[in-house]
Amino acid sequence: MKITLKRSVIGRPGNQVQTVKSLGLHKIGDTKEVADTPALRGMVNTVKHLLEVHE
């Protein structure tokens, strides 16, 4: 699963900022390839409005 940060975390609640950082994304446009596990699905679901997800 590929995830890309599309929106800024500035002004977002702390838990959303920490979730984005723990996914390994730092700047807008950063892309990571991650395993499709239930734990990562939950993290992506928390910040789905900031990300673009490709299966």
PDB file of N, CA and C in Angstrom:
ATOM      1  N   MET A   1       0.857  -1.169   0.000  1.00  0.00           N
ATOM      2  CA  MET A   1       0.000   0.000   0.000  1.00  0.00           C
ATOM      3  C   MET A   1       0.899   1.226   0.000  1.00  0.00           C
ATOM      4  N   LYS A   2       0.645   2.178  -0.912  1.00  0.00           N
ATOM      5  CA  LYS A   2       1.409   3.414  -0.973  1.00  0.00           C
ATOM      6  C   LYS A   2       0.581   4.540  -0.377  1.00  0.00           C
ATOM      7  N   ILE A   3       1.184   5.312   0.526  1.00  0.00           N
ATOM      8  CA  ILE A   3       0.503   6.454   1.119  1.00  0.00           C
ATOM      9  C   ILE A   3       1.307   7.712   0.826  1.00  0.00           C
ATOM     10  N   THR A   4       0.590   8.803   0.519  1.00  0.00           N
ATOM     11  CA  THR A   4       1.215  10.078   0.206  1.00  0.00           C
ATOM     12  C   THR A   4       0.555  11.161   1.038  1.00  0.00           C
ATOM     13  N   LEU A   5       1.367  11.993   1.670  1.00  0.00           N
ATOM     14  CA  LEU A   5       0.843  13.122   2.444  1.00  0.00           C
ATOM     15  C   LEU A   5       0.454  14.230   1.478  1.00  0.00           C
ATOM     16  N   LYS A   6      -0.820  14.593   1.455  1.00  0.00           N
ATOM     17  CA  LYS A   6      -1.332  15.588   0.516  1.00  0.00           C
ATOM     18  C   LYS A   6      -1.684  16.913   1.171  1.00  0.00           C
ATOM     19  N   ARG A   7      -1.899  16.916   2.479  1.00  0.00           N
ATOM     20  CA  ARG A   7      -2.269  18.149   3.172  1.00  0.00           C
ATOM     21  C   ARG A   7      -1.385  18.333   4.390  1.00  0.00           C
ATOM     22  N   SER A   8      -1.232  19.564   4.820  1.00  0.00           N
ATOM     23  CA  SER A   8      -0.366  19.900   5.941  1.00  0.00           C
ATOM     24  C   SER A   8      -0.971  19.461   7.275  1.00  0.00           C
ATOM     25  N   VAL A   9      -0.097  19.212   8.249  1.00  0.00           N
ATOM     26  CA  VAL A   9      -0.558  18.856   9.590  1.00  0.00           C
ATOM     27  C   VAL A   9      -0.599  20.080  10.512  1.00  0.00           C
ATOM     28  N   ILE A  10      -0.266  21.247   9.988  1.00  0.00           N
ATOM     29  CA  ILE A  10      -0.293  22.477  10.784  1.00  0.00           C
ATOM     30  C   ILE A  10      -1.729  22.742  11.230  1.00  0.00           C
ATOM     31  N   GLY A  11      -1.903  22.965  12.525  1.00  0.00           N
ATOM     32  CA  GLY A  11      -3.218  23.258  13.077  1.00  0.00           C
ATOM     33  C   GLY A  11      -4.068  22.034  13.354  1.00  0.00           C
ATOM     34  N   ARG A  12      -3.529  20.853  13.129  1.00  0.00           N
ATOM     35  CA  ARG A  12      -4.262  19.612  13.386  1.00  0.00           C
ATOM     36  C   ARG A  12      -4.058  19.196  14.839  1.00  0.00           C
ATOM     37  N   PRO A  13      -4.969  18.398  15.396  1.00  0.00           N
ATOM     38  CA  PRO A  13      -4.797  17.894  16.762  1.00  0.00           C
ATOM     39  C   PRO A  13      -3.514  17.069  16.885  1.00  0.00           C
ATOM     40  N   GLY A  14      -2.957  17.032  18.074  1.00  0.00           N
ATOM     41  CA  GLY A  14      -1.694  16.351  18.328  1.00  0.00           C
ATOM     42  C   GLY A  14      -1.676  14.893  17.926  1.00  0.00           C
ATOM     43  N   ASN A  15      -2.792  14.193  18.136  1.00  0.00           N
ATOM     44  CA  ASN A  15      -2.806  12.770  17.781  1.00  0.00           C
ATOM     45  C   ASN A  15      -2.674  12.571  16.280  1.00  0.00           C
ATOM     46  N   GLN A  16      -3.212  13.480  15.473  1.00  0.00           N
ATOM     47  CA  GLN A  16      -3.090  13.367  14.023  1.00  0.00           C
ATOM     48  C   GLN A  16      -1.667  13.665  13.574  1.00  0.00           C
ATOM     49  N   VAL A  17      -1.027  14.659  14.191  1.00  0.00           N
ATOM     50  CA  VAL A  17       0.363  14.989  13.862  1.00  0.00           C
ATOM     51  C   VAL A  17       1.259  13.798  14.182  1.00  0.00           C
ATOM     52  N   GLN A  18       1.078  13.197  15.348  1.00  0.00           N
ATOM     53  CA  GLN A  18       1.888  12.046  15.747  1.00  0.00           C
ATOM     54  C   GLN A  18       1.647  10.848  14.840  1.00  0.00           C
ATOM     55  N   THR A  19       0.413  10.649  14.414  1.00  0.00           N
ATOM     56  CA  THR A  19       0.100   9.532  13.522  1.00  0.00           C
ATOM     57  C   THR A  19       0.805   9.686  12.190  1.00  0.00           C
ATOM     58  N   VAL A  20       0.791  10.891  11.633  1.00  0.00           N
ATOM     59  CA  VAL A  20       1.472  11.137  10.355  1.00  0.00           C
ATOM     60  C   VAL A  20       2.965  10.901  10.504  1.00  0.00           C
ATOM     61  N   LYS A  21       3.552  11.367  11.608  1.00  0.00           N
ATOM     62  CA  LYS A  21       4.991  11.166  11.833  1.00  0.00           C
ATOM     63  C   LYS A  21       5.320   9.692  12.004  1.00  0.00           C
ATOM     64  N   SER A  22       4.461   8.954  12.696  1.00  0.00           N
ATOM     65  CA  SER A  22       4.735   7.535  12.912  1.00  0.00           C
ATOM     66  C   SER A  22       4.568   6.720  11.627  1.00  0.00           C
ATOM     67  N   LEU A  23       3.831   7.261  10.669  1.00  0.00           N
ATOM     68  CA  LEU A  23       3.736   6.622   9.357  1.00  0.00           C
ATOM     69  C   LEU A  23       4.984   6.895   8.520  1.00  0.00           C
ATOM     70  N   GLY A  24       5.851   7.795   9.003  1.00  0.00           N
ATOM     71  CA  GLY A  24       7.097   8.089   8.308  1.00  0.00           C
ATOM     72  C   GLY A  24       6.982   9.214   7.298  1.00  0.00           C
ATOM     73  N   LEU A  25       5.931  10.012   7.406  1.00  0.00           N
ATOM     74  CA  LEU A  25       5.727  11.125   6.486  1.00  0.00           C
ATOM     75  C   LEU A  25       6.074  12.432   7.185  1.00  0.00           C
ATOM     76  N   HIS A  26       6.827  13.292   6.494  1.00  0.00           N
ATOM     77  CA  HIS A  26       7.292  14.523   7.123  1.00  0.00           C
ATOM     78  C   HIS A  26       6.842  15.776   6.371  1.00  0.00           C
ATOM     79  N   LYS A  27       6.923  15.756   5.049  1.00  0.00           N
ATOM     80  CA  LYS A  27       6.564  16.918   4.253  1.00  0.00           C
ATOM     81  C   LYS A  27       5.460  16.551   3.271  1.00  0.00           C
ATOM     82  N   ILE A  28       4.739  17.565   2.801  1.00  0.00           N
ATOM     83  CA  ILE A  28       3.720  17.336   1.789  1.00  0.00           C
ATOM     84  C   ILE A  28       4.402  16.745   0.560  1.00  0.00           C
ATOM     85  N   GLY A  29       3.814  15.693   0.031  1.00  0.00           N
ATOM     86  CA  GLY A  29       4.370  15.025  -1.135  1.00  0.00           C
ATOM     87  C   GLY A  29       5.194  13.795  -0.800  1.00  0.00           C
ATOM     88  N   ASP A  30       5.528  13.613   0.485  1.00  0.00           N
ATOM     89  CA  ASP A  30       6.260  12.406   0.888  1.00  0.00           C
ATOM     90  C   ASP A  30       5.405  11.172   0.639  1.00  0.00           C
ATOM     91  N   THR A  31       6.043  10.129   0.099  1.00  0.00           N
ATOM     92  CA  THR A  31       5.346   8.873  -0.188  1.00  0.00           C
ATOM     93  C   THR A  31       6.092   7.732   0.478  1.00  0.00           C
ATOM     94  N   LYS A  32       5.342   6.814   1.062  1.00  0.00           N
ATOM     95  CA  LYS A  32       5.912   5.621   1.681  1.00  0.00           C
ATOM     96  C   LYS A  32       5.143   4.397   1.219  1.00  0.00           C
ATOM     97  N   GLU A  33       5.863   3.309   1.096  1.00  0.00           N
ATOM     98  CA  GLU A  33       5.236   2.019   0.799  1.00  0.00           C
ATOM     99  C   GLU A  33       5.204   1.259   2.125  1.00  0.00           C
ATOM    100  N   VAL A  34       4.000   0.903   2.583  1.00  0.00           N
ATOM    101  CA  VAL A  34       3.849   0.223   3.868  1.00  0.00           C
ATOM    102  C   VAL A  34       3.060  -1.067   3.672  1.00  0.00           C
ATOM    103  N   ALA A  35       3.233  -1.974   4.610  1.00  0.00           N
ATOM    104  CA  ALA A  35       2.498  -3.237   4.583  1.00  0.00           C
ATOM    105  C   ALA A  35       1.034  -2.972   4.929  1.00  0.00           C
ATOM    106  N   ASP A  36       0.154  -3.757   4.363  1.00  0.00           N
ATOM    107  CA  ASP A  36      -1.280  -3.597   4.610  1.00  0.00           C
ATOM    108  C   ASP A  36      -1.674  -4.463   5.802  1.00  0.00           C
ATOM    109  N   THR A  37      -1.525  -3.903   7.003  1.00  0.00           N
ATOM    110  CA  THR A  37      -1.888  -4.615   8.230  1.00  0.00           C
ATOM    111  C   THR A  37      -3.038  -3.878   8.908  1.00  0.00           C
ATOM    112  N   PRO A  38      -3.763  -4.541   9.793  1.00  0.00           N
ATOM    113  CA  PRO A  38      -4.865  -3.873  10.490  1.00  0.00           C
ATOM    114  C   PRO A  38      -4.411  -2.651  11.297  1.00  0.00           C
ATOM    115  N   ALA A  39      -3.233  -2.732  11.906  1.00  0.00           N
ATOM    116  CA  ALA A  39      -2.731  -1.605  12.696  1.00  0.00           C
ATOM    117  C   ALA A  39      -2.477  -0.387  11.806  1.00  0.00           C
ATOM    118  N   LEU A  40      -1.839  -0.609  10.673  1.00  0.00           N
ATOM    119  CA  LEU A  40      -1.567   0.500   9.760  1.00  0.00           C
ATOM    120  C   LEU A  40      -2.849   1.016   9.118  1.00  0.00           C
ATOM    121  N   ARG A  41      -3.800   0.130   8.862  1.00  0.00           N
ATOM    122  CA  ARG A  41      -5.100   0.565   8.335  1.00  0.00           C
ATOM    123  C   ARG A  41      -5.770   1.529   9.310  1.00  0.00           C
ATOM    124  N   GLY A  42      -5.694   1.231  10.606  1.00  0.00           N
ATOM    125  CA  GLY A  42      -6.279   2.104  11.614  1.00  0.00           C
ATOM    126  C   GLY A  42      -5.602   3.455  11.662  1.00  0.00           C
ATOM    127  N   MET A  43      -4.269   3.463  11.522  1.00  0.00           N
ATOM    128  CA  MET A  43      -3.526   4.723  11.515  1.00  0.00           C
ATOM    129  C   MET A  43      -3.909   5.550  10.290  1.00  0.00           C
ATOM    130  N   VAL A  44      -3.983   4.901   9.137  1.00  0.00           N
ATOM    131  CA  VAL A  44      -4.351   5.603   7.903  1.00  0.00           C
ATOM    132  C   VAL A  44      -5.771   6.135   8.014  1.00  0.00           C
ATOM    133  N   ASN A  45      -6.667   5.368   8.622  1.00  0.00           N
ATOM    134  CA  ASN A  45      -8.053   5.803   8.784  1.00  0.00           C
ATOM    135  C   ASN A  45      -8.157   7.042   9.664  1.00  0.00           C
ATOM    136  N   THR A  46      -7.260   7.180  10.640  1.00  0.00           N
ATOM    137  CA  THR A  46      -7.264   8.333  11.533  1.00  0.00           C
ATOM    138  C   THR A  46      -6.968   9.628  10.786  1.00  0.00           C
ATOM    139  N   VAL A  47      -6.097   9.563   9.782  1.00  0.00           N
ATOM    140  CA  VAL A  47      -5.682  10.769   9.059  1.00  0.00           C
ATOM    141  C   VAL A  47      -6.004  10.664   7.568  1.00  0.00           C
ATOM    142  N   LYS A  48      -7.065   9.945   7.223  1.00  0.00           N
ATOM    143  CA  LYS A  48      -7.388   9.711   5.815  1.00  0.00           C
ATOM    144  C   LYS A  48      -7.668  11.008   5.048  1.00  0.00           C
ATOM    145  N   HIS A  49      -8.094  12.048   5.741  1.00  0.00           N
ATOM    146  CA  HIS A  49      -8.374  13.327   5.082  1.00  0.00           C
ATOM    147  C   HIS A  49      -7.093  14.079   4.697  1.00  0.00           C
ATOM    148  N   LEU A  50      -5.942  13.622   5.199  1.00  0.00           N
ATOM    149  CA  LEU A  50      -4.655  14.251   4.873  1.00  0.00           C
ATOM    150  C   LEU A  50      -3.851  13.445   3.869  1.00  0.00           C
ATOM    151  N   LEU A  51      -4.264  12.206   3.605  1.00  0.00           N
ATOM    152  CA  LEU A  51      -3.478  11.290   2.802  1.00  0.00           C
ATOM    153  C   LEU A  51      -4.155  10.924   1.492  1.00  0.00           C
ATOM    154  N   GLU A  52      -3.338  10.408   0.578  1.00  0.00           N
ATOM    155  CA  GLU A  52      -3.834   9.746  -0.623  1.00  0.00           C
ATOM    156  C   GLU A  52      -3.309   8.318  -0.535  1.00  0.00           C
ATOM    157  N   VAL A  53      -4.195   7.336  -0.666  1.00  0.00           N
ATOM    158  CA  VAL A  53      -3.836   5.939  -0.487  1.00  0.00           C
ATOM    159  C   VAL A  53      -4.026   5.181  -1.790  1.00  0.00           C
ATOM    160  N   HIS A  54      -2.985   4.421  -2.182  1.00  0.00           N
ATOM    161  CA  HIS A  54      -3.065   3.554  -3.353  1.00  0.00           C
ATOM    162  C   HIS A  54      -2.804   2.132  -2.896  1.00  0.00           C
ATOM    163  N   GLU A  55      -3.688   1.234  -3.241  1.00  0.00           N
ATOM    164  CA  GLU A  55      -3.564  -0.164  -2.833  1.00  0.00           C
ATOM    165  C   GLU A  55      -2.555  -0.895  -3.704  1.00  0.00           C
TER     166      GLU A  55
END
